[in-house]
Amino acid sequence: MWCIADLDAEYLRKMEDVLAVYEKPYRAAEPVVCLDEKPVSLHSDLRAPLPARPGQVAKRDNEYKRCGTANVFAVVEPKAGRHFNCATPYRSAAQFAQVVRRLVADYPFARKIHLVMDNLNIHCRKSLTDHLGDKEGRYVWNRLKVHYTPKHGSWLKPKSNSACYPDNVWGPAAFPNWIYWRPASRLGTPRPTVTGPAFNGSSPAKPLAPSSATKGILLSGQRPRGLSQRVR
């Protein structure tokens, strides 16, 4: 499949800006982070699955019941080998603001956070000031140096070329409570997803025990294809 776009001056300017950011050497004081969202479908089993046992793999019936959809925010810092995931009932400006606030809080010593994201209408300072308040919204936004990818330029987002997203289909058991914020993990290092209170903008409560039904979300750790050298 090809990504066909109009290579006008605006497209080339944004592309060169993003590629230049990716070429920067790793600096903890100026992390390069990528953010995006993805919808997922929720399915429940009509028949109880058979667990794995010695000499036999786990089995799940091919019939299921549709249980709606959800949204997953994925945040990746490729050169540090870190990623964060946050599942929400749906995608909105309020939830984007909460994700960015938690992202900024996770880099307390960074002088400037380079954030690469697309041109979705909620990816703007107004989302933060509307839902975090003018003072906090401006503070959080000013901690960022935002780099927008060109329109129809999703190939420039490393997370789009990685396995940081879960499967398109999750079982509702993966959301006994909505996942408020998944702690950072090293690429390829298994860590269970921690569930928490509904993602409604309130302060997170003490995390619950990890859900055994929640699928792990890992990155392959491979360098994204197409970013090994700068496009001239």
Protein backbone atom coordinates (compact mmCIF):
# COMPACT_ATOMS: atom_id res chain seq x y z
CA MET A 1 0.00 0.00 0.00
CA TRP A 2 1.31 3.45 -0.92
CA CYS A 3 1.00 6.75 0.92
CA ILE A 4 0.19 9.26 -1.82
CA ALA A 5 0.27 12.89 -0.77
CA ASP A 6 0.61 16.32 -2.37
CA LEU A 7 4.27 17.19 -1.86
CA ASP A 8 3.77 20.92 -1.62
CA ALA A 9 5.97 23.35 0.29
CA GLU A 10 3.98 22.95 3.52
CA TYR A 11 4.26 19.15 3.38
CA LEU A 12 8.02 19.29 2.77
CA ARG A 13 8.56 21.86 5.53
CA LYS A 14 6.79 19.74 8.15
CA MET A 15 8.42 16.54 6.91
CA GLU A 16 11.92 18.06 7.14
CA ASP A 17 11.13 19.43 10.60
CA VAL A 18 10.02 16.03 11.92
CA LEU A 19 12.95 14.18 10.33
CA ALA A 20 15.37 16.73 11.80
CA VAL A 21 13.90 16.10 15.25
CA TYR A 22 14.34 12.34 14.81
CA GLU A 23 18.01 12.86 13.90
CA LYS A 24 18.76 14.62 17.17
CA PRO A 25 20.99 12.59 19.50
CA TYR A 26 19.30 11.36 22.65
CA ARG A 27 19.19 13.95 25.42
CA ALA A 28 17.27 13.39 28.63
CA ALA A 29 16.76 17.15 28.92
CA GLU A 30 14.98 17.26 25.54
CA PRO A 31 13.16 13.95 24.97
CA VAL A 32 11.51 13.31 21.61
CA VAL A 33 8.06 11.83 22.17
CA CYS A 34 5.36 10.75 19.69
CA LEU A 35 1.62 10.66 20.45
CA ASP A 36 -1.34 9.20 18.60
CA GLU A 37 -4.71 7.50 19.16
CA LYS A 38 -6.35 4.34 17.89
CA PRO A 39 -9.90 2.96 18.19
CA VAL A 40 -10.31 -0.61 19.43
CA SER A 41 -13.33 -2.94 19.35
CA LEU A 42 -14.56 -4.71 22.48
CA HIS A 43 -15.70 -8.32 22.17
CA SER A 44 -16.92 -10.75 24.82
CA ASP A 45 -16.87 -14.54 24.62
CA LEU A 46 -20.09 -16.47 24.08
CA ARG A 47 -18.39 -19.65 25.29
CA ALA A 48 -15.86 -19.88 28.07
CA PRO A 49 -12.31 -20.10 26.67
CA LEU A 50 -10.14 -23.09 27.53
CA PRO A 51 -7.01 -22.10 29.47
CA ALA A 52 -3.56 -23.29 28.49
CA ARG A 53 -2.12 -26.34 30.19
CA PRO A 54 0.97 -28.48 29.70
CA GLY A 55 1.03 -29.73 26.12
CA GLN A 56 -1.98 -27.66 25.02
CA VAL A 57 -2.35 -24.06 23.96
CA ALA A 58 -5.17 -21.85 25.16
CA LYS A 59 -8.28 -21.98 22.97
CA ARG A 60 -10.97 -19.37 22.30
CA ASP A 61 -14.12 -19.84 20.28
CA ASN A 62 -14.48 -17.84 17.08
CA GLU A 63 -17.95 -16.55 17.99
CA TYR A 64 -18.24 -13.41 20.08
CA LYS A 65 -20.56 -10.63 21.16
CA ARG A 66 -19.84 -7.02 20.16
CA CYS A 67 -19.53 -4.71 23.17
CA GLY A 68 -18.88 -1.37 21.54
CA THR A 69 -15.59 0.42 21.03
CA ALA A 70 -12.95 2.24 23.05
CA ASN A 71 -9.90 4.42 22.39
CA VAL A 72 -6.21 3.99 23.18
CA PHE A 73 -3.75 6.88 23.42
CA ALA A 74 -0.23 5.68 22.63
CA VAL A 75 2.84 7.72 23.60
CA VAL A 76 6.31 6.57 22.55
CA GLU A 77 9.83 7.87 23.23
CA PRO A 78 11.73 5.71 20.71
CA LYS A 79 15.34 6.56 21.58
CA ALA A 80 14.82 6.00 25.30
CA GLY A 81 12.90 2.77 24.71
CA ARG A 82 9.86 3.97 26.68
CA HIS A 83 6.16 3.93 25.95
CA PHE A 84 2.93 4.80 27.71
CA ASN A 85 -0.59 3.67 26.93
CA CYS A 86 -3.88 5.06 28.15
CA ALA A 87 -7.28 3.55 27.33
CA THR A 88 -10.36 5.77 27.43
CA PRO A 89 -14.06 5.16 26.63
CA TYR A 90 -13.78 7.53 23.66
CA ARG A 91 -11.53 10.20 22.20
CA SER A 92 -12.11 13.80 23.20
CA ALA A 93 -10.29 17.06 23.87
CA ALA A 94 -10.73 16.58 27.63
CA GLN A 95 -9.07 13.17 27.54
CA PHE A 96 -6.28 14.43 25.30
CA ALA A 97 -5.63 17.20 27.83
CA GLN A 98 -5.38 14.68 30.67
CA VAL A 99 -2.99 12.48 28.70
CA VAL A 100 -0.70 15.41 27.87
CA ARG A 101 -0.74 16.57 31.49
CA ARG A 102 0.31 13.12 32.68
CA LEU A 103 2.93 12.94 29.95
CA VAL A 104 4.49 16.24 31.00
CA ALA A 105 4.40 15.19 34.66
CA ASP A 106 6.39 12.08 33.76
CA TYR A 107 9.29 14.27 32.55
CA PRO A 108 9.77 16.62 35.52
CA PHE A 109 13.41 17.40 34.73
CA ALA A 110 13.09 17.88 30.98
CA ARG A 111 13.90 21.39 29.79
CA LYS A 112 11.74 20.98 26.68
CA ILE A 113 9.70 18.00 25.48
CA HIS A 114 9.62 17.59 21.71
CA LEU A 115 6.16 16.19 20.94
CA VAL A 116 5.43 14.79 17.47
CA MET A 117 1.75 14.34 16.59
CA ASP A 118 -0.64 14.73 13.69
CA ASN A 119 -3.10 17.50 12.86
CA LEU A 120 -6.17 16.13 14.65
CA ASN A 121 -8.38 19.02 15.72
CA ILE A 122 -8.00 18.24 19.46
CA HIS A 123 -4.18 18.31 19.26
CA CYS A 124 -3.88 21.96 20.23
CA ARG A 125 -3.35 24.30 23.16
CA LYS A 126 -7.05 25.14 23.33
CA SER A 127 -7.84 21.57 24.44
CA LEU A 128 -5.54 22.08 27.42
CA THR A 129 -6.69 25.56 28.43
CA ASP A 130 -10.37 24.59 28.06
CA HIS A 131 -10.10 21.51 30.28
CA LEU A 132 -7.16 22.20 32.60
CA GLY A 133 -7.78 25.91 33.08
CA ASP A 134 -5.96 28.77 31.42
CA LYS A 135 -2.99 28.87 33.82
CA GLU A 136 -2.25 25.15 33.97
CA GLY A 137 -3.10 24.62 30.31
CA ARG A 138 -0.61 27.26 29.19
CA TYR A 139 2.05 25.90 31.57
CA VAL A 140 1.68 22.33 30.26
CA TRP A 141 1.65 23.47 26.62
CA ASN A 142 4.74 25.65 27.15
CA ARG A 143 6.66 22.60 28.39
CA LEU A 144 6.28 21.22 24.86
CA LYS A 145 7.86 21.95 21.52
CA VAL A 146 5.18 20.59 19.19
CA HIS A 147 6.12 19.19 15.77
CA TYR A 148 3.11 18.48 13.58
CA THR A 149 3.42 15.87 10.87
CA PRO A 150 2.20 16.93 7.42
CA LYS A 151 -1.31 15.97 6.44
CA HIS A 152 -1.40 12.43 5.11
CA GLY A 153 2.01 11.88 6.67
CA SER A 154 1.32 9.20 9.27
CA TRP A 155 4.39 7.26 8.08
CA LEU A 156 6.43 9.88 9.96
CA LYS A 157 5.11 8.69 13.32
CA PRO A 158 7.28 5.81 14.63
CA LYS A 159 4.45 4.40 16.69
CA SER A 160 2.52 3.86 13.47
CA ASN A 161 5.26 1.47 12.37
CA SER A 162 5.57 -0.40 15.65
CA ALA A 163 3.65 -2.86 17.76
CA CYS A 164 3.00 -0.43 20.59
CA TYR A 165 -0.72 -0.63 19.96
CA PRO A 166 -2.78 -3.56 21.16
CA ASP A 167 -4.78 -5.70 18.78
CA ASN A 168 -7.75 -3.99 17.15
CA VAL A 169 -10.01 -6.22 19.23
CA TRP A 170 -10.00 -6.41 23.03
CA GLY A 171 -12.26 -8.28 25.37
CA PRO A 172 -14.24 -6.18 27.86
CA ALA A 173 -12.42 -8.05 30.62
CA ALA A 174 -9.44 -5.91 29.68
CA PHE A 175 -11.34 -2.91 31.05
CA PRO A 176 -12.63 -3.86 34.51
CA ASN A 177 -11.92 -0.20 35.11
CA TRP A 178 -10.73 2.17 32.44
CA ILE A 179 -6.96 2.32 32.30
CA TYR A 180 -6.00 5.71 33.66
CA TRP A 181 -2.30 5.70 32.81
CA ARG A 182 0.08 2.91 32.06
CA PRO A 183 3.51 3.48 33.67
CA ALA A 184 6.54 3.79 31.43
CA SER A 185 8.23 0.57 30.45
CA ARG A 186 11.33 -0.35 28.52
CA LEU A 187 10.79 -1.66 25.04
CA GLY A 188 10.43 -5.42 25.06
CA THR A 189 10.15 -5.61 28.86
CA PRO A 190 6.86 -7.23 29.93
CA ARG A 191 4.90 -5.17 32.42
CA PRO A 192 1.23 -5.69 33.19
CA THR A 193 -1.20 -2.91 32.45
CA VAL A 194 -2.37 -1.26 35.67
CA THR A 195 -6.07 -0.50 35.87
CA GLY A 196 -7.48 2.46 37.69
CA PRO A 197 -10.57 4.67 38.04
CA ALA A 198 -12.69 5.82 35.14
CA PHE A 199 -10.83 8.31 32.99
CA ASN A 200 -12.91 11.33 33.87
CA GLY A 201 -10.25 13.88 34.75
CA SER A 202 -10.18 13.16 38.47
CA SER A 203 -6.96 12.51 40.34
CA PRO A 204 -5.88 8.88 40.03
CA ALA A 205 -6.65 6.66 42.97
CA LYS A 206 -4.28 4.00 44.26
CA PRO A 207 -3.82 1.54 41.37
CA LEU A 208 -5.65 -1.73 41.56
CA ALA A 209 -3.92 -5.05 41.12
CA PRO A 210 -3.00 -5.73 37.48
CA SER A 211 -5.77 -7.42 35.54
CA SER A 212 -4.76 -10.86 34.32
CA ALA A 213 -7.15 -10.44 31.41
CA THR A 214 -5.51 -7.26 30.17
CA LYS A 215 -3.33 -7.82 27.15
CA GLY A 216 0.30 -6.71 27.35
CA ILE A 217 1.31 -4.03 24.90
CA LEU A 218 4.94 -4.30 23.89
CA LEU A 219 7.17 -2.71 21.33
CA SER A 220 9.37 -4.78 19.09
CA GLY A 221 12.34 -2.50 19.72
CA GLN A 222 13.19 -2.47 16.00
CA ARG A 223 14.05 0.79 14.29
CA PRO A 224 11.06 2.01 12.25
CA ARG A 225 11.45 1.34 8.55
CA GLY A 226 11.89 4.43 6.44
CA LEU A 227 13.60 6.43 9.22
CA SER A 228 17.10 4.95 9.01
CA GLN A 229 18.27 7.97 7.06
CA ARG A 230 16.93 11.40 6.37
CA VAL A 231 14.89 11.95 3.24
CA ARG A 232 16.55 14.62 1.14
